[in-house]
Amino acid sequence: MKNENILKHKTKIHKEDRENLLKQKGCVLWFTGLSGSGKSTIASKIEYNLHKMEKLTYLMDGDNIRLGLNIDLDFSPESRNENIRRIGEVSLLFADCGIITLVSFISPYRAMRNSVREKIGQSFIEIFVKADINICRQRDPKGLYLKADKGEIDEFTGISAPYEEPLKPEIVLDTEKMSVDESVEKVIDYLKKGYFI
């Protein structure tokens, strides 16, 4: 709900000024996919490689954000939407700072991802980390699928809650066919071709 008494304060320094200072373009790399698809592993390696290239980055991981900023949210559809809305707002601020922002969230609902895309604009890069649910079950690094199968986790994406695949992501990383290094290289090449770095 918008309050008519709150007006946006204009500042003298703009996104382009910060980007020129950092010699990079602020953007949001939005990794979406099932639990166990490889989102966090790939995002972490990309952040590491960009840091070695002297690029300013920040990685926001779904679990870490739920331990702080979004600790009050559960996994109901309403809370999932609020989770993504909040992180979309934070991502916009980071991109406006000229930071290459990596967001690793399942973000299961297409409408919410599209809402974030509309807010961030051309700086939003959707990356679909694709893996069949059976492959994700086999990987199951946190043992979550096993718990979900036993009924110990409610609203688990892919089991008892839906996942809506992106229709037109900028990048698809098929982790059944691509190694972590190949996935990292594909994303960094995209950033170079788009003059983000």
Protein backbone atom coordinates (compact mmCIF):
# COMPACT_ATOMS: atom_id res chain seq x y z
CA MET A 1 0.00 0.00 0.00
CA LYS A 2 1.48 3.32 -1.08
CA ASN A 3 1.51 6.21 1.39
CA GLU A 4 0.97 9.55 -0.37
CA ASN A 5 3.12 11.30 2.24
CA ILE A 6 6.23 9.32 1.27
CA LEU A 7 8.16 10.69 -1.69
CA LYS A 8 11.29 9.31 -3.32
CA HIS A 9 14.34 11.35 -2.38
CA LYS A 10 16.53 12.25 -5.36
CA THR A 11 20.27 11.90 -4.90
CA LYS A 12 23.22 13.37 -6.78
CA ILE A 13 24.94 10.02 -7.34
CA HIS A 14 23.27 7.55 -9.71
CA LYS A 15 23.70 3.91 -10.69
CA GLU A 16 25.90 4.84 -13.67
CA ASP A 17 28.23 6.82 -11.39
CA ARG A 18 28.72 3.83 -9.12
CA GLU A 19 29.17 1.49 -12.10
CA ASN A 20 31.86 3.78 -13.54
CA LEU A 21 33.63 3.76 -10.18
CA LEU A 22 33.54 -0.05 -10.02
CA LYS A 23 34.17 -0.60 -13.76
CA GLN A 24 31.29 -3.05 -13.99
CA LYS A 25 27.51 -2.99 -14.45
CA GLY A 26 25.22 -3.78 -11.55
CA CYS A 27 22.95 -6.73 -12.30
CA VAL A 28 21.00 -9.54 -10.68
CA LEU A 29 21.84 -13.12 -11.59
CA TRP A 30 18.66 -14.90 -10.45
CA PHE A 31 19.27 -18.65 -10.09
CA THR A 32 16.05 -20.68 -9.96
CA GLY A 33 15.56 -24.43 -9.86
CA LEU A 34 14.65 -27.35 -7.65
CA SER A 35 16.44 -28.11 -4.41
CA GLY A 36 19.55 -30.11 -5.35
CA SER A 37 19.72 -28.79 -8.92
CA GLY A 38 23.06 -27.08 -8.24
CA LYS A 39 22.04 -23.43 -7.78
CA SER A 40 24.13 -22.65 -4.69
CA THR A 41 27.17 -24.59 -5.87
CA ILE A 42 27.26 -22.84 -9.24
CA ALA A 43 26.46 -19.38 -7.84
CA SER A 44 29.21 -19.72 -5.23
CA LYS A 45 31.80 -20.70 -7.86
CA ILE A 46 30.75 -17.82 -10.12
CA GLU A 47 31.08 -15.38 -7.22
CA TYR A 48 34.55 -16.76 -6.44
CA ASN A 49 35.70 -16.45 -10.06
CA LEU A 50 34.31 -12.91 -10.41
CA HIS A 51 36.05 -11.91 -7.18
CA LYS A 52 39.33 -13.19 -8.61
CA MET A 53 38.61 -10.95 -11.63
CA GLU A 54 38.36 -8.04 -9.16
CA LYS A 55 34.60 -7.63 -9.60
CA LEU A 56 32.41 -6.62 -6.67
CA THR A 57 29.77 -9.26 -5.99
CA TYR A 58 27.36 -10.38 -3.32
CA LEU A 59 25.68 -13.79 -3.07
CA MET A 60 22.27 -14.11 -1.44
CA ASP A 61 21.36 -17.71 -0.70
CA GLY A 62 17.81 -18.73 0.17
CA ASP A 63 18.73 -20.54 3.39
CA ASN A 64 20.94 -17.71 4.64
CA ILE A 65 18.27 -15.06 4.01
CA ARG A 66 15.69 -17.15 5.88
CA LEU A 67 18.01 -17.18 8.90
CA GLY A 68 17.84 -13.39 9.12
CA LEU A 69 15.83 -10.99 6.97
CA ASN A 70 13.05 -13.50 6.28
CA ILE A 71 13.17 -15.51 9.51
CA ASP A 72 9.49 -14.67 10.11
CA LEU A 73 8.29 -16.44 6.93
CA ASP A 74 7.14 -20.05 6.57
CA PHE A 75 6.77 -22.00 3.32
CA SER A 76 3.12 -21.29 2.55
CA PRO A 77 2.45 -19.84 -0.93
CA GLU A 78 1.85 -16.41 0.64
CA SER A 79 5.12 -16.51 2.56
CA ARG A 80 7.04 -17.76 -0.47
CA ASN A 81 5.72 -14.79 -2.45
CA GLU A 82 6.71 -12.37 0.32
CA ASN A 83 10.13 -14.04 0.52
CA ILE A 84 10.72 -13.34 -3.16
CA ARG A 85 9.23 -9.84 -3.01
CA ARG A 86 11.62 -8.85 -0.21
CA ILE A 87 14.69 -10.34 -1.83
CA GLY A 88 13.69 -8.69 -5.13
CA GLU A 89 13.70 -5.30 -3.38
CA VAL A 90 17.09 -5.99 -1.77
CA SER A 91 18.49 -7.20 -5.11
CA LEU A 92 17.34 -4.00 -6.78
CA LEU A 93 19.23 -1.95 -4.19
CA PHE A 94 22.39 -4.02 -4.66
CA ALA A 95 22.21 -3.74 -8.47
CA ASP A 96 21.68 0.02 -8.10
CA CYS A 97 24.95 0.07 -6.13
CA GLY A 98 26.68 -1.39 -9.18
CA ILE A 99 27.14 -4.78 -7.51
CA ILE A 100 26.89 -8.05 -9.43
CA THR A 101 24.27 -9.71 -7.25
CA LEU A 102 23.83 -13.48 -7.28
CA VAL A 103 20.47 -14.69 -5.94
CA SER A 104 20.12 -18.42 -5.31
CA PHE A 105 16.48 -19.15 -4.42
CA ILE A 106 14.16 -21.94 -5.55
CA SER A 107 11.61 -19.15 -6.26
CA PRO A 108 9.01 -21.65 -7.50
CA TYR A 109 6.35 -19.29 -8.83
CA ARG A 110 6.75 -17.82 -12.30
CA ALA A 111 4.56 -14.80 -11.50
CA MET A 112 6.80 -13.72 -8.62
CA ARG A 113 9.98 -14.11 -10.67
CA ASN A 114 8.35 -12.04 -13.43
CA SER A 115 7.34 -9.42 -10.88
CA VAL A 116 10.98 -9.11 -9.78
CA ARG A 117 12.06 -8.95 -13.44
CA GLU A 118 9.66 -6.05 -14.07
CA LYS A 119 10.98 -4.15 -11.04
CA ILE A 120 14.68 -4.66 -11.85
CA GLY A 121 14.39 -4.37 -15.64
CA GLN A 122 17.26 -5.13 -18.03
CA SER A 123 19.65 -5.78 -15.15
CA PHE A 124 17.68 -8.96 -14.29
CA ILE A 125 19.19 -12.17 -15.67
CA GLU A 126 17.12 -15.29 -15.02
CA ILE A 127 19.18 -18.47 -14.86
CA PHE A 128 17.27 -21.75 -14.88
CA VAL A 129 19.37 -24.42 -13.18
CA LYS A 130 17.71 -27.43 -14.75
CA ALA A 131 17.75 -30.95 -13.32
CA ASP A 132 15.16 -33.70 -13.25
CA ILE A 133 13.61 -34.21 -9.84
CA ASN A 134 14.91 -37.79 -9.73
CA ILE A 135 18.47 -36.51 -10.19
CA CYS A 136 17.86 -33.95 -7.44
CA ARG A 137 16.60 -36.77 -5.21
CA GLN A 138 19.78 -38.74 -5.83
CA ARG A 139 21.95 -35.74 -4.99
CA ASP A 140 19.81 -34.59 -2.03
CA PRO A 141 22.75 -32.80 -0.32
CA LYS A 142 20.63 -31.72 2.67
CA GLY A 143 18.52 -34.87 2.99
CA LEU A 144 15.38 -32.83 2.33
CA TYR A 145 13.76 -35.11 -0.25
CA LEU A 146 14.01 -38.01 2.18
CA LYS A 147 12.29 -35.94 4.86
CA ALA A 148 9.65 -34.72 2.40
CA ASP A 149 8.91 -38.30 1.32
CA LYS A 150 8.38 -39.22 4.98
CA GLY A 151 5.98 -36.29 5.38
CA GLU A 152 8.35 -34.46 7.72
CA ILE A 153 8.44 -31.32 5.53
CA ASP A 154 5.26 -29.57 4.40
CA GLU A 155 5.05 -27.55 1.18
CA PHE A 156 8.24 -29.02 -0.27
CA THR A 157 8.83 -27.83 -3.85
CA GLY A 158 8.53 -30.61 -6.41
CA ILE A 159 6.88 -33.00 -3.94
CA SER A 160 3.99 -31.34 -2.11
CA ALA A 161 4.29 -27.86 -3.65
CA PRO A 162 4.62 -26.84 -7.32
CA TYR A 163 7.63 -25.60 -9.25
CA GLU A 164 6.92 -23.55 -12.39
CA GLU A 165 9.84 -23.64 -14.81
CA PRO A 166 10.88 -20.38 -16.48
CA LEU A 167 9.47 -19.90 -19.98
CA LYS A 168 12.19 -17.62 -21.39
CA PRO A 169 15.22 -17.53 -19.09
CA GLU A 170 18.30 -15.71 -20.31
CA ILE A 171 20.44 -18.74 -19.44
CA VAL A 172 19.68 -22.46 -19.00
CA LEU A 173 22.21 -24.58 -17.12
CA ASP A 174 21.35 -28.26 -17.56
CA THR A 175 23.29 -29.75 -14.66
CA GLU A 176 22.59 -33.29 -15.81
CA LYS A 177 24.75 -32.59 -18.87
CA MET A 178 27.00 -29.70 -17.80
CA SER A 179 29.73 -29.69 -15.18
CA VAL A 180 29.95 -26.94 -12.57
CA ASP A 181 32.90 -25.40 -14.43
CA GLU A 182 31.02 -25.45 -17.77
CA SER A 183 28.03 -23.79 -16.10
CA VAL A 184 30.24 -21.12 -14.52
CA GLU A 185 31.94 -20.41 -17.85
CA LYS A 186 28.57 -20.04 -19.62
CA VAL A 187 27.37 -17.42 -17.13
CA ILE A 188 30.62 -15.45 -17.13
CA ASP A 189 30.65 -15.48 -20.95
CA TYR A 190 27.12 -14.05 -20.88
CA LEU A 191 28.26 -11.25 -18.56
CA LYS A 192 31.18 -10.45 -20.85
CA LYS A 193 29.05 -10.41 -24.01
CA GLY A 194 26.49 -8.18 -22.28
CA TYR A 195 29.27 -5.80 -21.12
CA PHE A 196 28.37 -6.30 -17.47
CA ILE A 197 32.05 -7.02 -16.87
